[in-house]
PDB file of N, CA and C in Angstrom:
ATOM      1  N   UNK A   1      73.644 -36.968 -44.837  1.00  0.00           N
ATOM      2  CA  UNK A   1      73.842 -36.021 -43.762  1.00  0.00           C
ATOM      3  C   UNK A   1      74.038 -36.769 -42.443  1.00  0.00           C
ATOM      4  N   UNK A   2      73.310 -37.836 -42.248  1.00  0.00           N
ATOM      5  CA  UNK A   2      73.456 -38.630 -41.028  1.00  0.00           C
ATOM      6  C   UNK A   2      74.832 -39.281 -40.984  1.00  0.00           C
ATOM      7  N   UNK A   3      75.321 -39.726 -42.146  1.00  0.00           N
ATOM      8  CA  UNK A   3      76.644 -40.339 -42.203  1.00  0.00           C
ATOM      9  C   UNK A   3      77.720 -39.338 -41.817  1.00  0.00           C
ATOM     10  N   UNK A   4      77.573 -38.090 -42.251  1.00  0.00           N
ATOM     11  CA  UNK A   4      78.536 -37.045 -41.903  1.00  0.00           C
ATOM     12  C   UNK A   4      78.578 -36.835 -40.403  1.00  0.00           C
ATOM     13  N   UNK A   5      77.431 -36.821 -39.767  1.00  0.00           N
ATOM     14  CA  UNK A   5      77.382 -36.643 -38.314  1.00  0.00           C
ATOM     15  C   UNK A   5      78.030 -37.820 -37.594  1.00  0.00           C
ATOM     16  N   UNK A   6      77.788 -39.018 -38.090  1.00  0.00           N
ATOM     17  CA  UNK A   6      78.380 -40.195 -37.459  1.00  0.00           C
ATOM     18  C   UNK A   6      79.898 -40.205 -37.616  1.00  0.00           C
ATOM     19  N   UNK A   7      80.380 -39.814 -38.795  1.00  0.00           N
ATOM     20  CA  UNK A   7      81.824 -39.753 -39.011  1.00  0.00           C
ATOM     21  C   UNK A   7      82.445 -38.694 -38.113  1.00  0.00           C
ATOM     22  N   UNK A   8      81.791 -37.539 -38.000  1.00  0.00           N
ATOM     23  CA  UNK A   8      82.284 -36.481 -37.119  1.00  0.00           C
ATOM     24  C   UNK A   8      82.350 -36.970 -35.682  1.00  0.00           C
ATOM     25  N   UNK A   9      81.309 -37.647 -35.241  1.00  0.00           N
ATOM     26  CA  UNK A   9      81.289 -38.180 -33.876  1.00  0.00           C
ATOM     27  C   UNK A   9      82.404 -39.196 -33.680  1.00  0.00           C
ATOM     28  N   UNK A  10      82.600 -40.066 -34.649  1.00  0.00           N
ATOM     29  CA  UNK A  10      83.663 -41.064 -34.557  1.00  0.00           C
ATOM     30  C   UNK A  10      85.031 -40.407 -34.446  1.00  0.00           C
ATOM     31  N   UNK A  11      85.271 -39.387 -35.266  1.00  0.00           N
ATOM     32  CA  UNK A  11      86.567 -38.713 -35.231  1.00  0.00           C
ATOM     33  C   UNK A  11      86.780 -37.970 -33.920  1.00  0.00           C
ATOM     34  N   UNK A  12      85.720 -37.384 -33.374  1.00  0.00           N
ATOM     35  CA  UNK A  12      85.842 -36.707 -32.084  1.00  0.00           C
ATOM     36  C   UNK A  12      86.182 -37.702 -30.976  1.00  0.00           C
ATOM     37  N   UNK A  13      85.527 -38.843 -30.986  1.00  0.00           N
ATOM     38  CA  UNK A  13      85.808 -39.861 -29.967  1.00  0.00           C
ATOM     39  C   UNK A  13      87.223 -40.408 -30.146  1.00  0.00           C
ATOM     40  N   UNK A  14      87.635 -40.621 -31.395  1.00  0.00           N
ATOM     41  CA  UNK A  14      88.989 -41.117 -31.657  1.00  0.00           C
ATOM     42  C   UNK A  14      90.033 -40.124 -31.150  1.00  0.00           C
ATOM     43  N   UNK A  15      89.825 -38.837 -31.405  1.00  0.00           N
ATOM     44  CA  UNK A  15      90.760 -37.821 -30.925  1.00  0.00           C
ATOM     45  C   UNK A  15      90.772 -37.764 -29.403  1.00  0.00           C
ATOM     46  N   UNK A  16      89.618 -37.981 -28.799  1.00  0.00           N
ATOM     47  CA  UNK A  16      89.541 -37.943 -27.334  1.00  0.00           C
ATOM     48  C   UNK A  16      90.289 -39.114 -26.716  1.00  0.00           C
ATOM     49  N   UNK A  17      90.227 -40.271 -27.351  1.00  0.00           N
ATOM     50  CA  UNK A  17      90.864 -41.460 -26.799  1.00  0.00           C
ATOM     51  C   UNK A  17      92.366 -41.522 -27.077  1.00  0.00           C
ATOM     52  N   UNK A  18      92.836 -40.836 -28.106  1.00  0.00           N
ATOM     53  CA  UNK A  18      94.252 -40.875 -28.470  1.00  0.00           C
ATOM     54  C   UNK A  18      95.029 -39.834 -27.665  1.00  0.00           C
ATOM     55  N   UNK A  19      95.910 -40.274 -26.764  1.00  0.00           N
ATOM     56  CA  UNK A  19      96.610 -39.315 -25.905  1.00  0.00           C
ATOM     57  C   UNK A  19      97.524 -38.367 -26.676  1.00  0.00           C
ATOM     58  N   UNK A  20      97.987 -38.761 -27.874  1.00  0.00           N
ATOM     59  CA  UNK A  20      98.857 -37.876 -28.651  1.00  0.00           C
ATOM     60  C   UNK A  20      98.091 -36.685 -29.218  1.00  0.00           C
ATOM     61  N   UNK A  21      96.799 -36.833 -29.417  1.00  0.00           N
ATOM     62  CA  UNK A  21      96.007 -35.768 -30.020  1.00  0.00           C
ATOM     63  C   UNK A  21      95.409 -34.820 -28.985  1.00  0.00           C
ATOM     64  N   UNK A  22      95.565 -35.149 -27.706  1.00  0.00           N
ATOM     65  CA  UNK A  22      94.980 -34.313 -26.662  1.00  0.00           C
ATOM     66  C   UNK A  22      95.937 -33.203 -26.271  1.00  0.00           C
ATOM     67  N   UNK A  23      95.410 -32.024 -26.094  1.00  0.00           N
ATOM     68  CA  UNK A  23      96.187 -30.894 -25.610  1.00  0.00           C
ATOM     69  C   UNK A  23      96.038 -30.872 -24.097  1.00  0.00           C
ATOM     70  N   UNK A  24      97.142 -31.022 -23.376  1.00  0.00           N
ATOM     71  CA  UNK A  24      97.045 -31.118 -21.918  1.00  0.00           C
ATOM     72  C   UNK A  24      96.585 -29.814 -21.282  1.00  0.00           C
ATOM     73  N   UNK A  25      96.924 -28.692 -21.886  1.00  0.00           N
ATOM     74  CA  UNK A  25      96.475 -27.420 -21.334  1.00  0.00           C
ATOM     75  C   UNK A  25      95.016 -27.217 -21.742  1.00  0.00           C
ATOM     76  N   UNK A  26      94.121 -27.246 -20.796  1.00  0.00           N
ATOM     77  CA  UNK A  26      92.693 -27.121 -21.094  1.00  0.00           C
ATOM     78  C   UNK A  26      92.073 -28.414 -21.569  1.00  0.00           C
ATOM     79  N   UNK A  27      92.724 -29.529 -21.302  1.00  0.00           N
ATOM     80  CA  UNK A  27      92.222 -30.797 -21.825  1.00  0.00           C
ATOM     81  C   UNK A  27      90.911 -31.217 -21.164  1.00  0.00           C
ATOM     82  N   UNK A  28      90.701 -30.809 -19.915  1.00  0.00           N
ATOM     83  CA  UNK A  28      89.463 -31.202 -19.232  1.00  0.00           C
ATOM     84  C   UNK A  28      88.266 -30.574 -19.922  1.00  0.00           C
ATOM     85  N   UNK A  29      88.333 -29.283 -20.203  1.00  0.00           N
ATOM     86  CA  UNK A  29      87.201 -28.634 -20.862  1.00  0.00           C
ATOM     87  C   UNK A  29      87.040 -29.142 -22.292  1.00  0.00           C
ATOM     88  N   UNK A  30      88.153 -29.428 -22.954  1.00  0.00           N
ATOM     89  CA  UNK A  30      88.084 -29.971 -24.310  1.00  0.00           C
ATOM     90  C   UNK A  30      87.432 -31.346 -24.297  1.00  0.00           C
ATOM     91  N   UNK A  31      87.824 -32.179 -23.350  1.00  0.00           N
ATOM     92  CA  UNK A  31      87.230 -33.511 -23.249  1.00  0.00           C
ATOM     93  C   UNK A  31      85.741 -33.424 -22.960  1.00  0.00           C
ATOM     94  N   UNK A  32      85.358 -32.522 -22.077  1.00  0.00           N
ATOM     95  CA  UNK A  32      83.940 -32.364 -21.759  1.00  0.00           C
ATOM     96  C   UNK A  32      83.166 -31.904 -22.981  1.00  0.00           C
ATOM     97  N   UNK A  33      83.735 -30.995 -23.758  1.00  0.00           N
ATOM     98  CA  UNK A  33      83.067 -30.515 -24.968  1.00  0.00           C
ATOM     99  C   UNK A  33      82.929 -31.631 -25.996  1.00  0.00           C
ATOM    100  N   UNK A  34      83.968 -32.428 -26.149  1.00  0.00           N
ATOM    101  CA  UNK A  34      83.934 -33.527 -27.117  1.00  0.00           C
ATOM    102  C   UNK A  34      82.909 -34.572 -26.701  1.00  0.00           C
ATOM    103  N   UNK A  35      82.913 -34.927 -25.432  1.00  0.00           N
ATOM    104  CA  UNK A  35      81.957 -35.929 -24.943  1.00  0.00           C
ATOM    105  C   UNK A  35      80.530 -35.420 -25.099  1.00  0.00           C
ATOM    106  N   UNK A  36      80.304 -34.167 -24.730  1.00  0.00           N
ATOM    107  CA  UNK A  36      78.965 -33.589 -24.853  1.00  0.00           C
ATOM    108  C   UNK A  36      78.514 -33.569 -26.305  1.00  0.00           C
ATOM    109  N   UNK A  37      79.394 -33.140 -27.208  1.00  0.00           N
ATOM    110  CA  UNK A  37      79.048 -33.093 -28.631  1.00  0.00           C
ATOM    111  C   UNK A  37      78.755 -34.490 -29.165  1.00  0.00           C
ATOM    112  N   UNK A  38      79.553 -35.470 -28.762  1.00  0.00           N
ATOM    113  CA  UNK A  38      79.338 -36.839 -29.235  1.00  0.00           C
ATOM    114  C   UNK A  38      78.013 -37.396 -28.736  1.00  0.00           C
ATOM    115  N   UNK A  39      77.688 -37.139 -27.479  1.00  0.00           N
ATOM    116  CA  UNK A  39      76.422 -37.632 -26.918  1.00  0.00           C
ATOM    117  C   UNK A  39      75.240 -36.965 -27.608  1.00  0.00           C
ATOM    118  N   UNK A  40      75.333 -35.661 -27.834  1.00  0.00           N
ATOM    119  CA  UNK A  40      74.238 -34.940 -28.499  1.00  0.00           C
ATOM    120  C   UNK A  40      74.055 -35.450 -29.921  1.00  0.00           C
ATOM    121  N   UNK A  41      75.149 -35.610 -30.656  1.00  0.00           N
ATOM    122  CA  UNK A  41      75.039 -36.104 -32.029  1.00  0.00           C
ATOM    123  C   UNK A  41      74.497 -37.530 -32.080  1.00  0.00           C
ATOM    124  N   UNK A  42      74.904 -38.348 -31.140  1.00  0.00           N
ATOM    125  CA  UNK A  42      74.385 -39.714 -31.080  1.00  0.00           C
ATOM    126  C   UNK A  42      72.891 -39.713 -30.772  1.00  0.00           C
ATOM    127  N   UNK A  43      72.469 -38.857 -29.859  1.00  0.00           N
ATOM    128  CA  UNK A  43      71.045 -38.759 -29.528  1.00  0.00           C
ATOM    129  C   UNK A  43      70.242 -38.273 -30.732  1.00  0.00           C
ATOM    130  N   UNK A  44      70.781 -37.312 -31.473  1.00  0.00           N
ATOM    131  CA  UNK A  44      70.096 -36.814 -32.674  1.00  0.00           C
ATOM    132  C   UNK A  44      69.975 -37.930 -33.710  1.00  0.00           C
ATOM    133  N   UNK A  45      71.054 -38.691 -33.896  1.00  0.00           N
ATOM    134  CA  UNK A  45      71.027 -39.781 -34.876  1.00  0.00           C
ATOM    135  C   UNK A  45      70.015 -40.852 -34.485  1.00  0.00           C
ATOM    136  N   UNK A  46      69.973 -41.205 -33.215  1.00  0.00           N
ATOM    137  CA  UNK A  46      69.011 -42.208 -32.744  1.00  0.00           C
ATOM    138  C   UNK A  46      67.588 -41.681 -32.888  1.00  0.00           C
ATOM    139  N   UNK A  47      67.377 -40.432 -32.526  1.00  0.00           N
ATOM    140  CA  UNK A  47      66.049 -39.824 -32.667  1.00  0.00           C
ATOM    141  C   UNK A  47      65.591 -39.791 -34.113  1.00  0.00           C
ATOM    142  N   UNK A  48      66.505 -39.454 -35.019  1.00  0.00           N
ATOM    143  CA  UNK A  48      66.157 -39.418 -36.441  1.00  0.00           C
ATOM    144  C   UNK A  48      65.818 -40.812 -36.960  1.00  0.00           C
ATOM    145  N   UNK A  49      66.557 -41.814 -36.514  1.00  0.00           N
ATOM    146  CA  UNK A  49      66.281 -43.187 -36.950  1.00  0.00           C
ATOM    147  C   UNK A  49      64.925 -43.663 -36.439  1.00  0.00           C
ATOM    148  N   UNK A  50      64.615 -43.370 -35.193  1.00  0.00           N
ATOM    149  CA  UNK A  50      63.321 -43.767 -34.625  1.00  0.00           C
ATOM    150  C   UNK A  50      62.183 -43.047 -35.329  1.00  0.00           C
ATOM    151  N   UNK A  51      62.363 -41.760 -35.588  1.00  0.00           N
ATOM    152  CA  UNK A  51      61.329 -40.981 -36.279  1.00  0.00           C
ATOM    153  C   UNK A  51      61.086 -41.523 -37.684  1.00  0.00           C
ATOM    154  N   UNK A  52      62.162 -41.817 -38.409  1.00  0.00           N
ATOM    155  CA  UNK A  52      62.015 -42.359 -39.764  1.00  0.00           C
ATOM    156  C   UNK A  52      61.311 -43.713 -39.738  1.00  0.00           C
ATOM    157  N   UNK A  53      61.664 -44.547 -38.787  1.00  0.00           N
ATOM    158  CA  UNK A  53      61.022 -45.859 -38.662  1.00  0.00           C
ATOM    159  C   UNK A  53      59.536 -45.703 -38.352  1.00  0.00           C
ATOM    160  N   UNK A  54      59.208 -44.816 -37.418  1.00  0.00           N
ATOM    161  CA  UNK A  54      57.808 -44.609 -37.039  1.00  0.00           C
ATOM    162  C   UNK A  54      57.004 -44.039 -38.201  1.00  0.00           C
ATOM    163  N   UNK A  55      57.584 -43.098 -38.931  1.00  0.00           N
ATOM    164  CA  UNK A  55      56.872 -42.526 -40.071  1.00  0.00           C
ATOM    165  C   UNK A  55      56.642 -43.577 -41.150  1.00  0.00           C
ATOM    166  N   UNK A  56      57.602 -44.460 -41.338  1.00  0.00           N
ATOM    167  CA  UNK A  56      57.426 -45.538 -42.310  1.00  0.00           C
ATOM    168  C   UNK A  56      56.314 -46.489 -41.905  1.00  0.00           C
ATOM    169  N   UNK A  57      56.238 -46.815 -40.617  1.00  0.00           N
ATOM    170  CA  UNK A  57      55.169 -47.693 -40.131  1.00  0.00           C
ATOM    171  C   UNK A  57      53.809 -47.016 -40.254  1.00  0.00           C
ATOM    172  N   UNK A  58      53.754 -45.726 -39.935  1.00  0.00           N
ATOM    173  CA  UNK A  58      52.490 -44.989 -40.044  1.00  0.00           C
ATOM    174  C   UNK A  58      52.049 -44.916 -41.506  1.00  0.00           C
ATOM    175  N   UNK A  59      53.003 -44.680 -42.411  1.00  0.00           N
ATOM    176  CA  UNK A  59      52.678 -44.614 -43.835  1.00  0.00           C
ATOM    177  C   UNK A  59      52.182 -45.971 -44.337  1.00  0.00           C
ATOM    178  N   UNK A  60      52.746 -47.045 -43.817  1.00  0.00           N
ATOM    179  CA  UNK A  60      52.319 -48.380 -44.240  1.00  0.00           C
ATOM    180  C   UNK A  60      50.902 -48.682 -43.764  1.00  0.00           C
ATOM    181  N   UNK A  61      50.528 -48.148 -42.607  1.00  0.00           N
ATOM    182  CA  UNK A  61      49.180 -48.370 -42.087  1.00  0.00           C
ATOM    183  C   UNK A  61      48.140 -47.526 -42.822  1.00  0.00           C
ATOM    184  N   UNK A  62      48.572 -46.351 -43.289  1.00  0.00           N
ATOM    185  CA  UNK A  62      47.645 -45.402 -43.919  1.00  0.00           C
ATOM    186  C   UNK A  62      47.361 -45.769 -45.308  1.00  0.00           C
TER     187      UNK A  62
END
């Protein structure tokens, strides 16, 4: 599931950076939505990784 989110984020960033894939009409709001979605997904992925690491360390101590 984490891999799916990372691939989705990668594709969104790739579409944002490729000028051929951008729609000029409404492109500002589209870019803002893509950037926001990518940042949120990246934050979720980082949070999940930190949580998994912390739970593993806690389990090792217990």
